[in-house]
Structures are given as structure tokens and as C-alpha cells.
Amino acid sequence: MKSLRRLLTRVFNSATRRAHDERLREEIEEHIALQTTENIRAGVPPMEARRQALLKFGAVEVVRQDCRAQRGLVCSVRTRF
């Protein structure tokens, strides 16, 4: 039964992969945009504000890979700010 569940999860995930990836990309960008806005409000120039937001968020590709690895579970980016 466990093997069947794993197989069905993989089939479902492969069928919906593009939608998951797009949603994840949007969510990551939203977190970075919110932090960028907060930095700008604190008086940081826009280019520097985005750079700081990216640094604070961390390695975007690592977050993507972690979410893809856990695709069988609900995967949502949790803010690190």
C-alpha cells in the first residue's frame, strides 16, 4: 500500500509540476518583494534594498530544491525574515 501511495504521488506530482513550480516562484518573489519594500521604507536605495532582501532570504535555489524534494507534502515557503 505504501508503494502504491508513493507511485500515485509521483504520477500526480509530475502531472502538476509546472503549476507547482510557478506557484513556488511567485511565492518566493513575493517574500523578496515584501522585504525589498520594507528595506526601501527604511531608507535603503532600491537596488541595494533588493540585494539585501535576496541575501536575507537566502539561497533561492536551495529553497526550490527542498520544496521539490518534499513535493509529496504540502510545500510552502516560510518567511525567514
N, C-alpha and C. Protein backbone atom coordinates (compact mmCIF):
# COMPACT_ATOMS: atom_id res chain seq x y z
N MET A 1 0.82 -1.20 0.00
CA MET A 1 0.00 0.00 0.00
C MET A 1 0.86 1.26 0.00
N LYS A 2 1.96 1.21 0.76
CA LYS A 2 2.85 2.35 0.83
C LYS A 2 3.48 2.63 -0.54
N SER A 3 3.84 1.57 -1.24
CA SER A 3 4.44 1.71 -2.57
C SER A 3 3.45 2.31 -3.56
N LEU A 4 2.21 1.90 -3.48
CA LEU A 4 1.17 2.42 -4.36
C LEU A 4 0.95 3.91 -4.10
N ARG A 5 0.91 4.28 -2.84
CA ARG A 5 0.73 5.69 -2.49
C ARG A 5 1.89 6.53 -3.03
N ARG A 6 3.10 6.03 -2.88
CA ARG A 6 4.28 6.73 -3.39
C ARG A 6 4.21 6.88 -4.91
N LEU A 7 3.83 5.80 -5.59
CA LEU A 7 3.71 5.84 -7.05
C LEU A 7 2.66 6.85 -7.48
N LEU A 8 1.50 6.82 -6.86
CA LEU A 8 0.43 7.75 -7.21
C LEU A 8 0.84 9.19 -6.94
N THR A 9 1.55 9.42 -5.85
CA THR A 9 2.03 10.76 -5.53
C THR A 9 2.99 11.25 -6.60
N ARG A 10 3.90 10.39 -7.04
CA ARG A 10 4.86 10.78 -8.09
C ARG A 10 4.17 11.07 -9.41
N VAL A 11 3.19 10.26 -9.77
CA VAL A 11 2.46 10.49 -11.01
C VAL A 11 1.71 11.81 -10.94
N PHE A 12 1.02 12.05 -9.83
CA PHE A 12 0.29 13.30 -9.65
C PHE A 12 1.23 14.50 -9.70
N ASN A 13 2.35 14.38 -8.99
CA ASN A 13 3.29 15.50 -8.93
C ASN A 13 3.93 15.79 -10.28
N SER A 14 4.21 14.76 -11.03
CA SER A 14 4.80 15.01 -12.35
C SER A 14 3.79 15.68 -13.28
N ALA A 15 2.52 15.36 -13.09
CA ALA A 15 1.47 15.96 -13.91
C ALA A 15 1.23 17.42 -13.54
N THR A 16 1.50 17.79 -12.30
CA THR A 16 1.22 19.15 -11.85
C THR A 16 2.51 19.94 -11.56
N ARG A 17 3.63 19.42 -12.01
CA ARG A 17 4.93 20.03 -11.70
C ARG A 17 5.04 21.48 -12.15
N ARG A 18 4.63 21.77 -13.35
CA ARG A 18 4.76 23.13 -13.87
C ARG A 18 3.97 24.13 -13.03
N ALA A 19 2.76 23.76 -12.65
CA ALA A 19 1.93 24.64 -11.82
C ALA A 19 2.56 24.85 -10.45
N HIS A 20 3.10 23.77 -9.87
CA HIS A 20 3.77 23.88 -8.56
C HIS A 20 4.99 24.80 -8.66
N ASP A 21 5.79 24.61 -9.69
CA ASP A 21 6.99 25.42 -9.86
C ASP A 21 6.65 26.89 -10.03
N GLU A 22 5.62 27.18 -10.79
CA GLU A 22 5.21 28.57 -11.00
C GLU A 22 4.70 29.19 -9.70
N ARG A 23 3.90 28.44 -8.96
CA ARG A 23 3.39 28.94 -7.68
C ARG A 23 4.52 29.18 -6.70
N LEU A 24 5.49 28.29 -6.67
CA LEU A 24 6.64 28.44 -5.79
C LEU A 24 7.46 29.66 -6.18
N ARG A 25 7.68 29.85 -7.49
CA ARG A 25 8.42 31.02 -7.96
C ARG A 25 7.72 32.31 -7.54
N GLU A 26 6.41 32.35 -7.70
CA GLU A 26 5.64 33.53 -7.31
C GLU A 26 5.73 33.79 -5.80
N GLU A 27 5.66 32.75 -5.01
CA GLU A 27 5.70 32.90 -3.56
C GLU A 27 7.07 33.40 -3.10
N ILE A 28 8.13 32.85 -3.68
CA ILE A 28 9.48 33.31 -3.34
C ILE A 28 9.64 34.78 -3.71
N GLU A 29 9.19 35.13 -4.91
CA GLU A 29 9.31 36.52 -5.37
C GLU A 29 8.50 37.46 -4.47
N GLU A 30 7.36 36.99 -4.01
CA GLU A 30 6.55 37.82 -3.11
C GLU A 30 7.28 38.09 -1.79
N HIS A 31 7.90 37.09 -1.23
CA HIS A 31 8.66 37.27 0.01
C HIS A 31 9.80 38.27 -0.19
N ILE A 32 10.50 38.13 -1.31
CA ILE A 32 11.62 39.02 -1.60
C ILE A 32 11.11 40.45 -1.84
N ALA A 33 10.00 40.59 -2.54
CA ALA A 33 9.42 41.92 -2.80
C ALA A 33 8.99 42.60 -1.51
N LEU A 34 8.39 41.82 -0.61
CA LEU A 34 7.97 42.40 0.68
C LEU A 34 9.16 42.90 1.48
N GLN A 35 10.23 42.12 1.50
CA GLN A 35 11.42 42.55 2.23
C GLN A 35 12.07 43.73 1.54
N THR A 36 12.06 43.75 0.21
CA THR A 36 12.61 44.88 -0.54
C THR A 36 11.85 46.16 -0.19
N THR A 37 10.53 46.08 -0.16
CA THR A 37 9.71 47.23 0.20
C THR A 37 10.02 47.71 1.61
N GLU A 38 10.16 46.77 2.52
CA GLU A 38 10.50 47.12 3.90
C GLU A 38 11.86 47.82 3.96
N ASN A 39 12.82 47.33 3.19
CA ASN A 39 14.14 47.95 3.16
C ASN A 39 14.08 49.36 2.59
N ILE A 40 13.29 49.55 1.54
CA ILE A 40 13.15 50.88 0.93
C ILE A 40 12.53 51.85 1.93
N ARG A 41 11.53 51.38 2.67
CA ARG A 41 10.90 52.23 3.70
C ARG A 41 11.91 52.62 4.78
N ALA A 42 12.90 51.77 4.98
CA ALA A 42 13.93 52.07 5.98
C ALA A 42 15.01 53.00 5.42
N GLY A 43 14.84 53.42 4.14
CA GLY A 43 15.76 54.38 3.56
C GLY A 43 16.86 53.81 2.70
N VAL A 44 16.80 52.54 2.40
CA VAL A 44 17.81 51.91 1.57
C VAL A 44 17.45 52.15 0.10
N PRO A 45 18.43 52.50 -0.74
CA PRO A 45 18.15 52.69 -2.18
C PRO A 45 17.58 51.39 -2.79
N PRO A 46 16.70 51.50 -3.79
CA PRO A 46 16.02 50.33 -4.35
C PRO A 46 16.90 49.16 -4.76
N MET A 47 17.99 49.41 -5.47
CA MET A 47 18.86 48.31 -5.91
C MET A 47 19.49 47.60 -4.72
N GLU A 48 19.94 48.38 -3.77
CA GLU A 48 20.54 47.81 -2.56
C GLU A 48 19.48 47.10 -1.71
N ALA A 49 18.27 47.66 -1.69
CA ALA A 49 17.18 47.06 -0.92
C ALA A 49 16.88 45.65 -1.43
N ARG A 50 16.84 45.48 -2.75
CA ARG A 50 16.59 44.15 -3.33
C ARG A 50 17.75 43.20 -3.04
N ARG A 51 18.97 43.70 -3.18
CA ARG A 51 20.13 42.87 -2.91
C ARG A 51 20.11 42.38 -1.46
N GLN A 52 19.81 43.27 -0.52
CA GLN A 52 19.74 42.88 0.89
C GLN A 52 18.60 41.89 1.13
N ALA A 53 17.47 42.09 0.45
CA ALA A 53 16.35 41.16 0.60
C ALA A 53 16.73 39.77 0.12
N LEU A 54 17.44 39.68 -1.00
CA LEU A 54 17.88 38.39 -1.51
C LEU A 54 18.86 37.72 -0.55
N LEU A 55 19.76 38.51 0.00
CA LEU A 55 20.72 37.96 0.97
C LEU A 55 20.00 37.46 2.22
N LYS A 56 19.03 38.23 2.68
CA LYS A 56 18.30 37.84 3.89
C LYS A 56 17.46 36.58 3.66
N PHE A 57 16.87 36.47 2.47
CA PHE A 57 16.06 35.29 2.16
C PHE A 57 16.91 34.03 2.13
N GLY A 58 18.08 34.16 1.57
CA GLY A 58 18.97 33.01 1.48
C GLY A 58 19.01 32.45 0.08
N ALA A 59 19.52 31.26 -0.04
CA ALA A 59 19.73 30.62 -1.33
C ALA A 59 18.40 30.18 -1.93
N VAL A 60 17.94 30.92 -2.92
CA VAL A 60 16.64 30.67 -3.55
C VAL A 60 16.60 29.27 -4.17
N GLU A 61 17.67 28.87 -4.84
CA GLU A 61 17.67 27.56 -5.49
C GLU A 61 17.60 26.43 -4.47
N VAL A 62 18.22 26.61 -3.32
CA VAL A 62 18.16 25.58 -2.27
C VAL A 62 16.72 25.44 -1.78
N VAL A 63 16.03 26.55 -1.61
CA VAL A 63 14.62 26.51 -1.19
C VAL A 63 13.80 25.78 -2.23
N ARG A 64 14.03 26.08 -3.50
CA ARG A 64 13.31 25.39 -4.58
C ARG A 64 13.57 23.88 -4.55
N GLN A 65 14.82 23.51 -4.39
CA GLN A 65 15.16 22.08 -4.36
C GLN A 65 14.53 21.39 -3.16
N ASP A 66 14.55 22.04 -2.01
CA ASP A 66 13.93 21.46 -0.81
C ASP A 66 12.44 21.23 -1.03
N CYS A 67 11.78 22.20 -1.63
CA CYS A 67 10.34 22.07 -1.88
C CYS A 67 10.06 20.97 -2.90
N ARG A 68 10.88 20.89 -3.92
CA ARG A 68 10.69 19.81 -4.91
C ARG A 68 10.90 18.45 -4.28
N ALA A 69 11.86 18.35 -3.36
CA ALA A 69 12.14 17.08 -2.70
C ALA A 69 10.98 16.66 -1.80
N GLN A 70 10.25 17.63 -1.30
CA GLN A 70 9.14 17.35 -0.39
C GLN A 70 7.79 17.46 -1.10
N ARG A 71 7.78 17.40 -2.41
CA ARG A 71 6.57 17.63 -3.18
C ARG A 71 5.40 16.76 -2.75
N GLY A 72 5.66 15.61 -2.16
CA GLY A 72 4.58 14.76 -1.68
C GLY A 72 3.86 15.36 -0.50
N LEU A 73 4.50 16.31 0.16
CA LEU A 73 3.91 17.01 1.29
C LEU A 73 3.51 18.41 0.84
N VAL A 74 2.74 19.10 1.64
CA VAL A 74 2.41 20.48 1.32
C VAL A 74 3.69 21.29 1.40
N CYS A 75 4.00 22.00 0.34
CA CYS A 75 5.25 22.76 0.28
C CYS A 75 4.92 24.23 0.16
N SER A 76 5.24 24.97 1.18
CA SER A 76 5.04 26.40 1.17
C SER A 76 6.27 27.05 1.75
N VAL A 77 6.70 28.10 1.13
CA VAL A 77 7.89 28.79 1.62
C VAL A 77 7.50 29.55 2.88
N ARG A 78 8.25 29.35 3.91
CA ARG A 78 8.03 30.09 5.15
C ARG A 78 9.01 31.22 5.18
N THR A 79 8.54 32.38 5.53
CA THR A 79 9.41 33.54 5.54
C THR A 79 10.52 33.37 6.58
N ARG A 80 11.69 33.83 6.22
CA ARG A 80 12.83 33.75 7.12
C ARG A 80 13.13 35.12 7.70
N PHE A 81 12.27 36.08 7.44
CA PHE A 81 12.52 37.44 7.89
C PHE A 81 12.09 37.60 9.33
